[in-house]
Amino acid sequence: MSVLFGLLWPLERFNTVVLAIGKAIAVAALAIMVCLILGQVFFRYVLNDAPNWTEEGARFGMLWMTGLMAPLAYRMGGFVSIDMLERALPRMISAILTLLLLSIAMWVLIIAWDRGLNNHVDTISGRGCSSSLRWPFGFEIGKCGNKFQNQYQYASLWVGVNLLILVNVELIIRQIIKLAGQGDRLKPLSADDFAGAD
């Protein structure tokens, strides 16, 4: 059991720090996304000419916001779940069912990891150039020159899945510890660890 706690505590601390940083970046991405969308609406309906890059910029912010907030929501139990069966079962069977579901989630996440890397980031479209989103001040970076490479957007899925895998490993270890009857030694996961915009 001490081995599991030895694995859990550094992973728990790492996830807490990384997810807190991800939350701050996601909140900034949300704010930028809202400003871009409001700006696009203003320019389109008031001046009858919206900049063409605002839509792609807002999508960029939305993708990264989702990729960085999904692991935090998963860790805090913020995803929609139907837990009637889990609550109706005896405690031990319910805990085994939860462990089984976390294992299935890990299998899905590993498949998503491969798809995120090989079907999005490292593909022809991922290596392609953005149609309208450009680097500020005329900077030229990489093969796309002053345009963004699509990989910067598509990487949000892959980064989010990596963080989800880390969170899932933490939840599996916590569930095994609970099954062993040591759940009272675990620090509860709470949103208080991530003070800020909720």
Protein backbone atom coordinates (compact mmCIF):
# COMPACT_ATOMS: atom_id res chain seq x y z
CA MET A 1 0.00 0.00 0.00
CA SER A 2 2.90 2.36 0.70
CA VAL A 3 3.96 1.92 -2.95
CA LEU A 4 0.57 3.20 -4.13
CA PHE A 5 0.76 6.19 -1.81
CA GLY A 6 4.33 6.78 -3.02
CA LEU A 7 3.00 6.91 -6.60
CA LEU A 8 -0.10 8.90 -5.73
CA TRP A 9 1.33 11.84 -3.80
CA PRO A 10 3.76 13.15 -6.47
CA LEU A 11 1.16 12.55 -9.20
CA GLU A 12 -1.48 14.33 -7.13
CA ARG A 13 0.81 17.33 -6.57
CA PHE A 14 1.83 17.41 -10.24
CA ASN A 15 -1.80 17.28 -11.42
CA THR A 16 -2.81 20.00 -8.96
CA VAL A 17 -0.09 22.39 -10.19
CA VAL A 18 -0.44 21.62 -13.91
CA LEU A 19 -4.25 21.78 -13.84
CA ALA A 20 -4.15 25.09 -11.93
CA ILE A 21 -1.85 26.55 -14.61
CA GLY A 22 -4.10 25.05 -17.31
CA LYS A 23 -7.12 26.64 -15.68
CA ALA A 24 -5.47 30.09 -15.72
CA ILE A 25 -4.56 29.69 -19.40
CA ALA A 26 -8.06 28.39 -20.21
CA VAL A 27 -9.70 31.37 -18.49
CA ALA A 28 -7.47 33.71 -20.52
CA ALA A 29 -8.34 31.78 -23.70
CA LEU A 30 -12.04 32.13 -22.88
CA ALA A 31 -11.69 35.87 -22.34
CA ILE A 32 -9.83 36.30 -25.63
CA MET A 33 -12.37 34.11 -27.42
CA VAL A 34 -15.29 36.20 -26.12
CA CYS A 35 -13.53 39.45 -27.12
CA LEU A 36 -12.85 38.14 -30.62
CA ILE A 37 -16.44 37.01 -31.10
CA LEU A 38 -17.85 40.31 -29.79
CA GLY A 39 -15.41 42.20 -32.01
CA GLN A 40 -16.47 40.15 -35.01
CA VAL A 41 -20.16 40.84 -34.32
CA PHE A 42 -19.46 44.55 -33.88
CA PHE A 43 -17.43 44.86 -37.07
CA ARG A 44 -19.85 42.75 -39.09
CA TYR A 45 -23.07 44.50 -38.09
CA VAL A 46 -21.89 48.03 -37.34
CA LEU A 47 -19.13 48.52 -39.91
CA ASN A 48 -20.32 45.77 -42.30
CA ASP A 49 -16.79 44.37 -42.59
CA ALA A 50 -15.43 41.87 -40.03
CA PRO A 51 -11.77 40.82 -40.06
CA ASN A 52 -11.56 37.29 -41.42
CA TRP A 53 -9.12 36.05 -38.76
CA THR A 54 -11.39 36.59 -35.74
CA GLU A 55 -13.43 33.42 -36.30
CA GLU A 56 -10.35 31.22 -36.54
CA GLY A 57 -8.78 33.00 -33.55
CA ALA A 58 -11.91 32.32 -31.47
CA ARG A 59 -11.85 28.66 -32.52
CA PHE A 60 -8.19 28.49 -31.49
CA GLY A 61 -9.11 29.79 -28.01
CA MET A 62 -12.08 27.43 -27.71
CA LEU A 63 -10.00 24.36 -28.59
CA TRP A 64 -7.32 25.18 -26.04
CA MET A 65 -9.86 26.13 -23.38
CA THR A 66 -11.53 22.73 -23.82
CA GLY A 67 -8.24 20.82 -23.89
CA LEU A 68 -7.08 22.44 -20.66
CA MET A 69 -10.37 22.43 -18.72
CA ALA A 70 -11.59 18.89 -19.51
CA PRO A 71 -8.92 17.23 -17.29
CA LEU A 72 -9.82 19.51 -14.39
CA ALA A 73 -13.53 18.80 -14.81
CA TYR A 74 -12.79 15.05 -14.99
CA ARG A 75 -10.72 15.17 -11.80
CA MET A 76 -13.37 17.13 -9.91
CA GLY A 77 -16.23 14.90 -11.11
CA GLY A 78 -17.62 17.68 -13.27
CA PHE A 79 -18.59 15.51 -16.23
CA VAL A 80 -22.18 14.38 -16.56
CA SER A 81 -22.60 10.94 -15.07
CA ILE A 82 -25.44 8.61 -14.29
CA ASP A 83 -24.65 7.12 -10.91
CA MET A 84 -27.95 5.52 -9.88
CA LEU A 85 -26.52 2.01 -10.23
CA GLU A 86 -23.34 2.94 -8.37
CA ARG A 87 -25.38 4.35 -5.47
CA ALA A 88 -27.75 1.37 -5.39
CA LEU A 89 -24.98 -1.26 -5.20
CA PRO A 90 -23.20 -2.27 -2.01
CA ARG A 91 -20.07 -0.22 -1.30
CA MET A 92 -17.51 -2.85 -2.38
CA ILE A 93 -19.30 -3.74 -5.64
CA SER A 94 -19.78 -0.05 -6.37
CA ALA A 95 -16.05 0.56 -5.86
CA ILE A 96 -15.17 -2.33 -8.19
CA LEU A 97 -17.59 -0.97 -10.82
CA THR A 98 -15.96 2.46 -10.54
CA LEU A 99 -12.51 0.89 -11.02
CA LEU A 100 -13.79 -1.01 -14.06
CA LEU A 101 -15.23 2.19 -15.56
CA LEU A 102 -11.96 4.07 -14.93
CA SER A 103 -10.09 1.24 -16.68
CA ILE A 104 -12.41 1.46 -19.70
CA ALA A 105 -11.90 5.24 -19.71
CA MET A 106 -8.12 4.66 -19.76
CA TRP A 107 -8.48 2.37 -22.77
CA VAL A 108 -10.51 5.04 -24.60
CA LEU A 109 -7.98 7.73 -23.66
CA ILE A 110 -5.08 5.68 -25.01
CA ILE A 111 -6.92 5.31 -28.32
CA ALA A 112 -7.66 9.07 -28.27
CA TRP A 113 -3.97 9.76 -27.59
CA ASP A 114 -3.03 7.90 -30.77
CA ARG A 115 -5.79 9.57 -32.80
CA GLY A 116 -4.93 13.01 -31.44
CA LEU A 117 -1.31 12.64 -32.46
CA ASN A 118 -1.57 10.66 -35.69
CA ASN A 119 -4.91 11.92 -37.05
CA HIS A 120 -4.71 15.57 -36.04
CA VAL A 121 -1.29 16.90 -35.07
CA ASP A 122 0.98 14.88 -37.36
CA THR A 123 -1.10 14.85 -40.57
CA ILE A 124 -1.24 16.77 -43.81
CA SER A 125 -3.88 19.12 -42.40
CA GLY A 126 -1.97 19.47 -39.13
CA ARG A 127 1.20 20.37 -40.98
CA GLY A 128 -0.79 22.76 -43.15
CA CYS A 129 -1.02 26.50 -42.74
CA SER A 130 -3.89 28.49 -41.30
CA SER A 131 -6.05 30.22 -43.88
CA SER A 132 -6.32 33.51 -42.01
CA LEU A 133 -4.61 33.44 -38.60
CA ARG A 134 -1.21 35.14 -38.75
CA TRP A 135 1.60 35.80 -36.29
CA PRO A 136 1.54 39.37 -34.96
CA PHE A 137 4.06 42.00 -36.09
CA GLY A 138 4.84 40.09 -39.29
CA PHE A 139 6.91 37.40 -37.55
CA GLU A 140 7.75 34.44 -39.77
CA ILE A 141 7.98 31.12 -37.95
CA GLY A 142 8.50 27.75 -39.63
CA LYS A 143 7.41 26.69 -43.08
CA CYS A 144 4.18 28.70 -43.01
CA GLY A 145 5.98 32.03 -42.75
CA ASN A 146 3.77 34.56 -41.03
CA LYS A 147 0.72 32.24 -40.89
CA PHE A 148 0.00 29.91 -37.97
CA GLN A 149 0.62 26.24 -38.58
CA ASN A 150 -2.54 24.18 -37.93
CA GLN A 151 -0.65 21.96 -35.49
CA TYR A 152 -0.87 24.75 -32.89
CA GLN A 153 -4.65 24.36 -32.87
CA TYR A 154 -4.81 20.58 -33.23
CA ALA A 155 -2.30 20.03 -30.43
CA SER A 156 -4.99 21.08 -27.95
CA LEU A 157 -6.69 17.67 -28.32
CA TRP A 158 -3.46 15.79 -27.81
CA VAL A 159 -2.38 17.89 -24.80
CA GLY A 160 -5.85 17.54 -23.26
CA VAL A 161 -5.78 13.77 -23.67
CA ASN A 162 -2.32 13.57 -22.08
CA LEU A 163 -3.63 15.50 -19.07
CA LEU A 164 -6.76 13.33 -18.95
CA ILE A 165 -4.54 10.20 -18.88
CA LEU A 166 -2.57 11.60 -15.93
CA VAL A 167 -5.79 12.41 -14.09
CA ASN A 168 -7.21 8.96 -14.89
CA VAL A 169 -4.08 7.25 -13.51
CA GLU A 170 -4.48 9.29 -10.32
CA LEU A 171 -8.16 8.35 -10.03
CA ILE A 172 -7.38 4.65 -10.60
CA ILE A 173 -4.72 4.69 -7.87
CA ARG A 174 -7.13 6.48 -5.52
CA GLN A 175 -9.82 3.89 -6.26
CA ILE A 176 -7.46 0.97 -5.58
CA ILE A 177 -6.51 2.59 -2.25
CA LYS A 178 -10.20 2.96 -1.40
CA LEU A 179 -10.81 -0.69 -2.28
CA ALA A 180 -7.99 -1.66 0.10
CA GLY A 181 -9.80 0.16 2.90
CA GLN A 182 -7.33 3.03 3.13
CA GLY A 183 -9.62 5.72 1.67
CA ASP A 184 -9.61 7.67 4.93
CA ARG A 185 -5.92 8.48 4.34
CA LEU A 186 -6.68 10.20 1.03
CA LYS A 187 -6.97 13.95 0.76
CA PRO A 188 -10.35 14.69 -0.83
CA LEU A 189 -10.28 16.27 -4.27
CA SER A 190 -12.02 19.60 -4.09
CA ALA A 191 -12.40 22.68 -6.21
CA ASP A 192 -10.74 24.65 -3.36
CA ASP A 193 -7.39 23.45 -4.69
CA PHE A 194 -8.08 25.52 -7.80
CA ALA A 195 -9.19 28.88 -6.47
CA GLY A 196 -10.21 31.30 -9.19
CA ALA A 197 -12.90 31.74 -11.77
CA ASP A 198 -15.45 28.98 -11.31
